[in-house]
């Protein structure tokens, strides 16, 4: 049995411009990012016959799955991205500092830690459902942050596969469970 993880194609949305970006602009950027279109692309599915495809319900993931998978896809709300923290509307930081803040929020922001805990639970539910018959190859199209936690759960369940810190857009990461 194989599991393929694919991050959605690159989103057509530029980062906010300016020296110091207010939190309200960053919050709005994330809201529009969820609805933004994607750049057309392709994914090498490594010649593997994928029997099922599960996908996040966010438009960027659905469009990617429809592009790369020839059969029917199964949208699952459990595969949506972990929401970003809510930022103070008045705080102003350079774009790079916002990126650092977002990364550190998983350690210091209580709400973000709760969202990560919920995401781990959602991933476990998806895998329990997807691996029901233990014989089909499953393709999952989702999001960068969630893929890190999916990888951890696959390893915990006895799968072997590649390491990555931030999954590349449109790239296939194959995990395989050795026969018992």
Protein backbone atom coordinates (compact mmCIF):
# COMPACT_ATOMS: atom_id res chain seq x y z
CA UNK A 1 0.00 0.00 0.00
CA UNK A 2 1.25 3.46 -0.95
CA UNK A 3 0.19 6.93 0.13
CA UNK A 4 1.04 9.92 -2.02
CA UNK A 5 1.01 13.41 -0.55
CA UNK A 6 0.83 16.41 -2.88
CA UNK A 7 0.76 20.07 -1.92
CA UNK A 8 -1.54 22.17 -4.09
CA UNK A 9 -0.06 24.10 -7.03
CA UNK A 10 1.36 27.56 -6.42
CA UNK A 11 -1.24 30.21 -5.60
CA UNK A 12 -1.47 33.34 -7.78
CA UNK A 13 -1.24 35.89 -5.00
CA UNK A 14 1.63 38.26 -4.30
CA UNK A 15 2.78 38.97 -0.79
CA UNK A 16 1.80 42.34 0.69
CA UNK A 17 4.11 45.17 -0.33
CA UNK A 18 5.66 47.83 1.86
CA UNK A 19 8.28 48.22 4.56
CA UNK A 20 5.95 47.72 7.52
CA UNK A 21 2.73 45.79 6.92
CA UNK A 22 -0.18 46.26 9.36
CA UNK A 23 -1.78 43.16 10.88
CA UNK A 24 -5.12 43.95 9.23
CA UNK A 25 -3.43 43.65 5.81
CA UNK A 26 -1.90 40.29 6.75
CA UNK A 27 -5.27 39.03 8.02
CA UNK A 28 -6.93 40.11 4.77
CA UNK A 29 -4.13 38.53 2.70
CA UNK A 30 -4.85 35.14 4.31
CA UNK A 31 -8.60 35.51 3.66
CA UNK A 32 -8.05 36.22 -0.05
CA UNK A 33 -5.34 33.53 -0.33
CA UNK A 34 -7.92 30.87 0.52
CA UNK A 35 -9.97 31.87 -2.55
CA UNK A 36 -7.15 32.79 -4.96
CA UNK A 37 -6.55 30.95 -8.22
CA UNK A 38 -3.57 28.65 -8.82
CA UNK A 39 -0.86 28.57 -11.45
CA UNK A 40 -1.39 25.71 -13.85
CA UNK A 41 1.05 22.88 -13.35
CA UNK A 42 1.64 19.16 -13.56
CA UNK A 43 2.67 16.45 -11.15
CA UNK A 44 4.62 13.31 -11.96
CA UNK A 45 2.58 10.54 -10.30
CA UNK A 46 5.55 8.16 -10.67
CA UNK A 47 3.59 5.65 -12.77
CA UNK A 48 1.73 4.49 -9.67
CA UNK A 49 -1.90 3.47 -10.02
CA UNK A 50 -3.66 5.66 -7.46
CA UNK A 51 -6.99 4.08 -6.54
CA UNK A 52 -8.46 6.94 -4.54
CA UNK A 53 -7.84 10.65 -4.22
CA UNK A 54 -8.78 12.62 -1.11
CA UNK A 55 -8.49 16.38 -1.21
CA UNK A 56 -8.90 19.43 0.99
CA UNK A 57 -12.10 21.36 0.29
CA UNK A 58 -10.19 24.61 -0.31
CA UNK A 59 -10.32 25.66 -3.99
CA UNK A 60 -6.55 25.57 -4.58
CA UNK A 61 -6.36 21.92 -3.51
CA UNK A 62 -9.50 20.87 -5.39
CA UNK A 63 -8.24 22.47 -8.63
CA UNK A 64 -4.88 20.76 -8.21
CA UNK A 65 -6.49 17.35 -7.60
CA UNK A 66 -8.78 17.77 -10.62
CA UNK A 67 -5.71 18.54 -12.74
CA UNK A 68 -3.50 15.65 -11.64
CA UNK A 69 -5.93 12.83 -10.82
CA UNK A 70 -7.94 11.28 -13.70
CA UNK A 71 -10.69 9.73 -11.55
CA UNK A 72 -13.23 11.03 -9.08
CA UNK A 73 -11.89 12.97 -6.10
CA UNK A 74 -13.24 12.94 -2.56
CA UNK A 75 -13.19 16.40 -0.93
CA UNK A 76 -12.71 16.27 2.85
CA UNK A 77 -12.98 19.26 5.15
CA UNK A 78 -10.62 17.42 7.53
CA UNK A 79 -7.78 18.12 5.05
CA UNK A 80 -8.03 21.93 5.11
CA UNK A 81 -5.02 23.98 6.14
CA UNK A 82 -4.37 24.91 9.74
CA UNK A 83 -5.73 28.46 10.10
CA UNK A 84 -3.20 31.22 10.70
CA UNK A 85 -3.21 33.06 14.00
CA UNK A 86 -5.28 36.25 14.20
CA UNK A 87 -2.97 39.25 14.19
CA UNK A 88 -3.41 42.56 15.95
CA UNK A 89 -4.84 44.96 13.38
CA UNK A 90 -2.54 47.80 14.51
CA UNK A 91 0.77 45.91 14.76
CA UNK A 92 3.11 46.73 11.86
CA UNK A 93 6.00 44.45 10.88
CA UNK A 94 8.11 43.71 7.79
CA UNK A 95 6.86 40.73 5.74
CA UNK A 96 9.79 38.59 6.88
CA UNK A 97 8.94 39.24 10.54
CA UNK A 98 5.31 38.22 9.90
CA UNK A 99 6.63 34.93 8.48
CA UNK A 100 8.76 34.39 11.60
CA UNK A 101 5.79 35.27 13.83
CA UNK A 102 3.59 32.71 12.04
CA UNK A 103 6.26 30.01 12.41
CA UNK A 104 6.77 30.76 16.11
CA UNK A 105 3.02 30.84 16.81
CA UNK A 106 2.95 27.04 16.81
CA UNK A 107 5.07 27.19 19.95
CA UNK A 108 3.79 30.32 21.71
CA UNK A 109 0.19 30.91 20.63
CA UNK A 110 -2.37 28.88 22.58
CA UNK A 111 -5.01 28.99 19.84
CA UNK A 112 -2.52 27.86 17.20
CA UNK A 113 -1.41 24.94 19.40
CA UNK A 114 -5.09 23.97 19.80
CA UNK A 115 -5.56 24.14 16.01
CA UNK A 116 -2.53 21.89 15.52
CA UNK A 117 -3.92 19.41 18.04
CA UNK A 118 -7.25 19.39 16.16
CA UNK A 119 -5.41 19.01 12.84
CA UNK A 120 -3.53 15.96 14.12
CA UNK A 121 -6.84 14.41 15.20
CA UNK A 122 -8.41 15.19 11.77
CA UNK A 123 -5.44 13.59 10.00
CA UNK A 124 -5.79 10.45 12.10
CA UNK A 125 -9.49 10.25 11.19
CA UNK A 126 -8.74 10.69 7.48
CA UNK A 127 -6.12 7.92 7.57
CA UNK A 128 -8.44 5.59 9.50
CA UNK A 129 -11.05 6.11 6.77
CA UNK A 130 -8.63 5.96 3.82
CA UNK A 131 -6.79 2.84 4.97
CA UNK A 132 -9.96 0.85 5.60
CA UNK A 133 -9.15 -2.01 3.21
CA UNK A 134 -5.33 -1.75 3.45
CA UNK A 135 -4.75 -2.53 -0.23
CA UNK A 136 -5.48 0.59 -2.21
CA UNK A 137 -2.97 3.29 -3.10
CA UNK A 138 -4.23 6.60 -1.78
CA UNK A 139 -3.37 10.07 -3.13
CA UNK A 140 -3.96 13.05 -0.84
CA UNK A 141 -3.85 16.66 -2.05
CA UNK A 142 -3.59 19.16 0.76
CA UNK A 143 -1.49 21.99 2.22
CA UNK A 144 2.09 22.57 3.39
CA UNK A 145 1.64 22.78 7.16
CA UNK A 146 -0.81 19.90 7.25
CA UNK A 147 1.53 17.72 5.18
CA UNK A 148 4.21 17.93 7.89
CA UNK A 149 1.77 16.43 10.38
CA UNK A 150 0.51 13.87 7.83
CA UNK A 151 4.09 12.72 7.32
CA UNK A 152 4.56 12.31 11.09
CA UNK A 153 1.36 10.25 11.34
CA UNK A 154 2.34 8.04 8.40
CA UNK A 155 5.74 7.33 9.99
CA UNK A 156 3.97 6.57 13.29
CA UNK A 157 1.77 4.07 11.41
CA UNK A 158 4.76 2.22 9.99
CA UNK A 159 5.13 3.88 6.58
CA UNK A 160 8.49 4.88 5.14
CA UNK A 161 8.95 7.93 2.95
CA UNK A 162 10.87 11.11 2.23
CA UNK A 163 11.64 13.88 4.68
CA UNK A 164 10.64 17.46 3.96
CA UNK A 165 10.32 20.66 5.97
CA UNK A 166 8.08 22.55 3.58
CA UNK A 167 6.53 20.50 0.78
CA UNK A 168 7.04 21.88 -2.72
CA UNK A 169 3.96 22.87 -4.67
CA UNK A 170 2.74 20.10 -6.97
CA UNK A 171 5.40 17.59 -5.95
CA UNK A 172 4.50 13.99 -5.08
CA UNK A 173 5.86 12.51 -1.84
CA UNK A 174 5.34 8.72 -1.76
CA UNK A 175 5.10 6.74 1.48
CA UNK A 176 4.98 2.97 1.51
CA UNK A 177 4.14 0.47 4.20
CA UNK A 178 6.38 -2.56 4.01
CA UNK A 179 4.50 -5.88 3.78
CA UNK A 180 3.98 -7.57 7.15
